[in-house]
Protein backbone atom coordinates (compact mmCIF):
# COMPACT_ATOMS: atom_id res chain seq x y z
CA UNK A 1 43.89 103.79 126.59
CA UNK A 2 47.09 102.95 124.48
CA UNK A 3 47.53 99.24 125.04
CA UNK A 4 51.16 99.45 124.35
CA UNK A 5 51.15 101.14 121.05
CA UNK A 6 52.77 104.35 122.17
CA UNK A 7 55.12 106.49 120.03
CA UNK A 8 53.00 106.15 116.87
CA UNK A 9 51.34 102.78 116.75
CA UNK A 10 52.32 99.57 115.25
CA UNK A 11 54.12 100.99 112.20
CA UNK A 12 57.11 102.35 114.41
CA UNK A 13 58.54 98.91 115.15
CA UNK A 14 59.06 97.68 111.48
CA UNK A 15 60.40 101.19 110.52
CA UNK A 16 62.92 100.85 113.28
CA UNK A 17 63.83 97.38 112.23
CA UNK A 18 64.40 98.57 108.64
CA UNK A 19 66.42 101.50 109.68
CA UNK A 20 68.62 99.18 111.66
CA UNK A 21 68.99 96.73 108.93
CA UNK A 22 69.94 99.54 106.44
CA UNK A 23 72.63 100.90 108.89
CA UNK A 24 74.07 97.42 109.29
CA UNK A 25 74.32 96.90 105.41
CA UNK A 26 75.73 100.40 105.07
CA UNK A 27 78.44 99.71 107.70
CA UNK A 28 79.40 96.36 106.16
CA UNK A 29 79.60 97.97 102.63
CA UNK A 30 81.73 100.90 104.01
CA UNK A 31 84.04 98.65 105.82
CA UNK A 32 84.55 96.55 102.72
CA UNK A 33 85.24 99.48 100.48
CA UNK A 34 87.73 100.87 102.98
CA UNK A 35 89.50 97.53 103.33
CA UNK A 36 89.89 97.37 99.57
CA UNK A 37 91.22 100.98 99.30
CA UNK A 38 93.70 100.35 102.22
CA UNK A 39 95.08 97.18 100.43
CA UNK A 40 95.58 99.00 97.13
CA UNK A 41 97.43 101.91 99.11
CA UNK A 42 99.67 99.32 100.99
CA UNK A 43 100.47 97.72 97.63
CA UNK A 44 101.60 100.90 96.08
CA UNK A 45 103.43 102.21 99.14
CA UNK A 46 105.26 98.98 99.52
CA UNK A 47 106.61 98.94 95.92
CA UNK A 48 107.72 102.48 96.36
CA UNK A 49 109.48 101.85 99.81
CA UNK A 50 111.27 98.77 98.42
CA UNK A 51 112.85 100.87 95.56
CA UNK A 52 113.65 103.54 98.01
CA UNK A 53 115.40 101.04 100.29
CA UNK A 54 117.38 99.81 97.33
CA UNK A 55 118.53 103.14 96.48
CA UNK A 56 119.61 103.80 99.92
CA UNK A 57 121.54 100.54 100.09
CA UNK A 58 123.43 101.39 96.89
CA UNK A 59 124.01 104.88 98.07
CA UNK A 60 125.59 103.52 101.18
CA UNK A 61 127.83 101.15 99.22
CA UNK A 62 126.24 98.04 100.49
CA UNK A 63 125.53 96.82 96.87
CA UNK A 64 127.29 97.28 93.72
CA UNK A 65 126.00 98.97 90.56
CA UNK A 66 125.40 95.65 88.94
CA UNK A 67 123.46 94.24 92.09
CA UNK A 68 121.44 97.38 92.21
CA UNK A 69 120.62 97.24 88.47
CA UNK A 70 119.50 93.52 88.81
CA UNK A 71 117.53 94.10 91.89
CA UNK A 72 115.80 96.98 90.38
CA UNK A 73 114.79 95.01 87.33
CA UNK A 74 113.51 92.14 89.55
CA UNK A 75 111.32 94.80 91.30
CA UNK A 76 109.80 96.26 88.22
């Protein structure tokens, strides 16, 4: 008679609990690392894109050379 201790006895429950806890911790840490990495990438790409937009505006003649130089200094 097994009395409800199937699949290996009483040790199986705590082991599964620890595995689930470890999985949750791993998931939270992974999400935090990924979030930081995306924030850094967004910051870098937005700086590049702002300078690209400024260059395009200058190339189209929408701003003067003085305005371009001033805005470029402000971005850097």
